[in-house]
N, C-alpha and C. Protein backbone atom coordinates (compact mmCIF):
# COMPACT_ATOMS: atom_id res chain seq x y z
N MET A 1 28.03 -53.79 19.04
CA MET A 1 27.08 -54.86 19.34
C MET A 1 27.82 -56.19 19.28
N GLU A 2 27.68 -56.95 20.29
CA GLU A 2 28.35 -58.24 20.34
C GLU A 2 27.37 -59.41 20.29
N ARG A 3 26.10 -59.14 20.45
CA ARG A 3 25.12 -60.22 20.45
C ARG A 3 24.39 -60.28 19.12
N LYS A 4 24.43 -61.41 18.49
CA LYS A 4 23.77 -61.59 17.20
C LYS A 4 22.26 -61.70 17.42
N GLY A 5 21.50 -61.10 16.51
CA GLY A 5 20.05 -61.16 16.61
C GLY A 5 19.43 -60.03 17.41
N TYR A 6 20.25 -59.13 17.94
CA TYR A 6 19.76 -57.99 18.70
C TYR A 6 20.13 -56.71 17.96
N ALA A 7 19.35 -55.68 18.18
CA ALA A 7 19.61 -54.41 17.53
C ALA A 7 19.44 -53.28 18.54
N LEU A 8 20.23 -52.24 18.38
CA LEU A 8 20.05 -51.03 19.17
C LEU A 8 19.01 -50.17 18.47
N VAL A 9 17.99 -49.76 19.20
CA VAL A 9 16.90 -48.99 18.63
C VAL A 9 16.81 -47.65 19.33
N PRO A 10 16.87 -46.55 18.57
CA PRO A 10 16.73 -45.23 19.20
C PRO A 10 15.29 -45.01 19.66
N LEU A 11 15.11 -44.65 20.92
CA LEU A 11 13.77 -44.44 21.47
C LEU A 11 13.41 -42.96 21.55
N ALA A 12 14.39 -42.13 21.90
CA ALA A 12 14.13 -40.69 22.01
C ALA A 12 15.44 -39.94 21.82
N MET A 13 15.33 -38.73 21.27
CA MET A 13 16.50 -37.87 21.11
C MET A 13 16.11 -36.48 21.57
N TYR A 14 16.96 -35.88 22.39
CA TYR A 14 16.69 -34.54 22.87
C TYR A 14 18.00 -33.81 23.13
N TRP A 15 17.89 -32.49 23.28
CA TRP A 15 19.07 -31.65 23.51
C TRP A 15 19.10 -31.25 24.97
N LYS A 16 20.30 -31.29 25.55
CA LYS A 16 20.47 -30.84 26.94
C LYS A 16 21.83 -30.17 27.05
N ARG A 17 21.82 -28.90 27.43
CA ARG A 17 23.04 -28.09 27.57
C ARG A 17 23.92 -28.13 26.32
N GLY A 18 23.30 -27.99 25.17
CA GLY A 18 24.05 -27.94 23.92
C GLY A 18 24.53 -29.29 23.40
N ARG A 19 24.13 -30.37 24.03
CA ARG A 19 24.52 -31.71 23.58
C ARG A 19 23.27 -32.52 23.23
N ALA A 20 23.43 -33.35 22.25
CA ALA A 20 22.31 -34.24 21.89
C ALA A 20 22.38 -35.48 22.76
N LYS A 21 21.26 -35.85 23.32
CA LYS A 21 21.18 -37.07 24.12
C LYS A 21 20.24 -38.03 23.41
N LEU A 22 20.58 -39.29 23.47
CA LEU A 22 19.81 -40.31 22.79
C LEU A 22 19.49 -41.44 23.75
N GLU A 23 18.21 -41.74 23.88
CA GLU A 23 17.81 -42.91 24.67
C GLU A 23 17.73 -44.08 23.71
N ILE A 24 18.37 -45.18 24.07
CA ILE A 24 18.38 -46.34 23.19
C ILE A 24 17.83 -47.56 23.92
N GLY A 25 17.35 -48.50 23.15
CA GLY A 25 16.84 -49.74 23.70
C GLY A 25 17.44 -50.91 22.95
N LEU A 26 17.45 -52.06 23.58
CA LEU A 26 17.95 -53.26 22.95
C LEU A 26 16.75 -54.10 22.54
N ALA A 27 16.66 -54.44 21.26
CA ALA A 27 15.51 -55.18 20.74
C ALA A 27 15.96 -56.45 20.05
N LYS A 28 15.15 -57.47 20.19
CA LYS A 28 15.45 -58.73 19.53
C LYS A 28 14.69 -58.78 18.21
N GLY A 29 15.36 -59.22 17.16
CA GLY A 29 14.74 -59.27 15.83
C GLY A 29 13.68 -60.34 15.73
N LYS A 30 12.91 -60.27 14.65
CA LYS A 30 11.86 -61.24 14.42
C LYS A 30 12.45 -62.56 13.92
N LYS A 31 11.78 -63.63 14.21
CA LYS A 31 12.13 -64.94 13.68
C LYS A 31 11.54 -65.05 12.28
N ALA A 32 12.02 -66.01 11.49
CA ALA A 32 11.56 -66.17 10.11
C ALA A 32 10.05 -66.40 10.05
N HIS A 33 9.50 -67.22 10.95
CA HIS A 33 8.06 -67.48 10.89
C HIS A 33 7.25 -66.24 11.26
N ASP A 34 7.78 -65.38 12.12
CA ASP A 34 7.10 -64.13 12.44
C ASP A 34 7.07 -63.20 11.23
N LYS A 35 8.19 -63.17 10.50
CA LYS A 35 8.27 -62.32 9.32
C LYS A 35 7.26 -62.79 8.26
N ARG A 36 7.16 -64.10 8.09
CA ARG A 36 6.22 -64.63 7.09
C ARG A 36 4.79 -64.27 7.47
N ALA A 37 4.47 -64.35 8.74
CA ALA A 37 3.11 -64.01 9.19
C ALA A 37 2.83 -62.53 8.96
N ALA A 38 3.80 -61.68 9.22
CA ALA A 38 3.62 -60.24 9.02
C ALA A 38 3.43 -59.92 7.54
N ILE A 39 4.20 -60.57 6.69
CA ILE A 39 4.08 -60.34 5.24
C ILE A 39 2.72 -60.82 4.75
N LYS A 40 2.28 -61.98 5.24
CA LYS A 40 0.98 -62.53 4.85
C LYS A 40 -0.14 -61.58 5.26
N GLU A 41 -0.08 -61.06 6.47
CA GLU A 41 -1.10 -60.13 6.96
C GLU A 41 -1.10 -58.84 6.14
N ARG A 42 0.07 -58.32 5.82
CA ARG A 42 0.17 -57.09 5.03
C ARG A 42 -0.40 -57.28 3.64
N ASP A 43 -0.08 -58.42 3.01
CA ASP A 43 -0.60 -58.72 1.67
C ASP A 43 -2.12 -58.86 1.70
N TRP A 44 -2.64 -59.52 2.74
CA TRP A 44 -4.09 -59.69 2.85
C TRP A 44 -4.77 -58.33 3.03
N ALA A 45 -4.19 -57.45 3.83
CA ALA A 45 -4.77 -56.12 4.04
C ALA A 45 -4.79 -55.34 2.73
N ARG A 46 -3.74 -55.46 1.95
CA ARG A 46 -3.67 -54.77 0.65
C ARG A 46 -4.73 -55.33 -0.29
N GLU A 47 -4.86 -56.64 -0.34
CA GLU A 47 -5.86 -57.29 -1.20
C GLU A 47 -7.27 -56.91 -0.77
N ARG A 48 -7.49 -56.85 0.54
CA ARG A 48 -8.80 -56.47 1.07
C ARG A 48 -9.16 -55.05 0.62
N GLN A 49 -8.18 -54.14 0.63
CA GLN A 49 -8.43 -52.76 0.17
C GLN A 49 -8.81 -52.74 -1.31
N ARG A 50 -8.13 -53.56 -2.11
CA ARG A 50 -8.45 -53.63 -3.55
C ARG A 50 -9.88 -54.12 -3.75
N ILE A 51 -10.27 -55.14 -3.00
CA ILE A 51 -11.62 -55.70 -3.13
C ILE A 51 -12.66 -54.66 -2.73
N MET A 52 -12.40 -53.94 -1.64
CA MET A 52 -13.35 -52.93 -1.19
C MET A 52 -13.46 -51.79 -2.19
N LYS A 53 -12.34 -51.39 -2.80
CA LYS A 53 -12.36 -50.32 -3.79
C LYS A 53 -13.16 -50.72 -5.01
N SER A 54 -12.89 -51.91 -5.54
CA SER A 54 -13.57 -52.35 -6.76
C SER A 54 -15.03 -52.66 -6.50
N GLY A 55 -15.39 -53.04 -5.30
CA GLY A 55 -16.77 -53.36 -4.96
C GLY A 55 -17.66 -52.14 -4.82
N SER A 56 -17.08 -50.98 -4.55
CA SER A 56 -17.87 -49.78 -4.33
C SER A 56 -18.19 -49.02 -5.62
N ARG A 57 -17.68 -49.49 -6.73
CA ARG A 57 -17.94 -48.80 -8.01
C ARG A 57 -19.26 -49.13 -8.58
């Protein structure tokens, strides 16, 4: 890989005539603000589950 900020991502793997074949894709990583938004959403979903669990008792 020569480009910073990109990653090779395996999309599919299969066997053909005794050899493994791999389909790959090039993906661009998340920016810092995207990561923060994803973390915030994940934390809120976790907190929401806790609230729903404790509310049903």
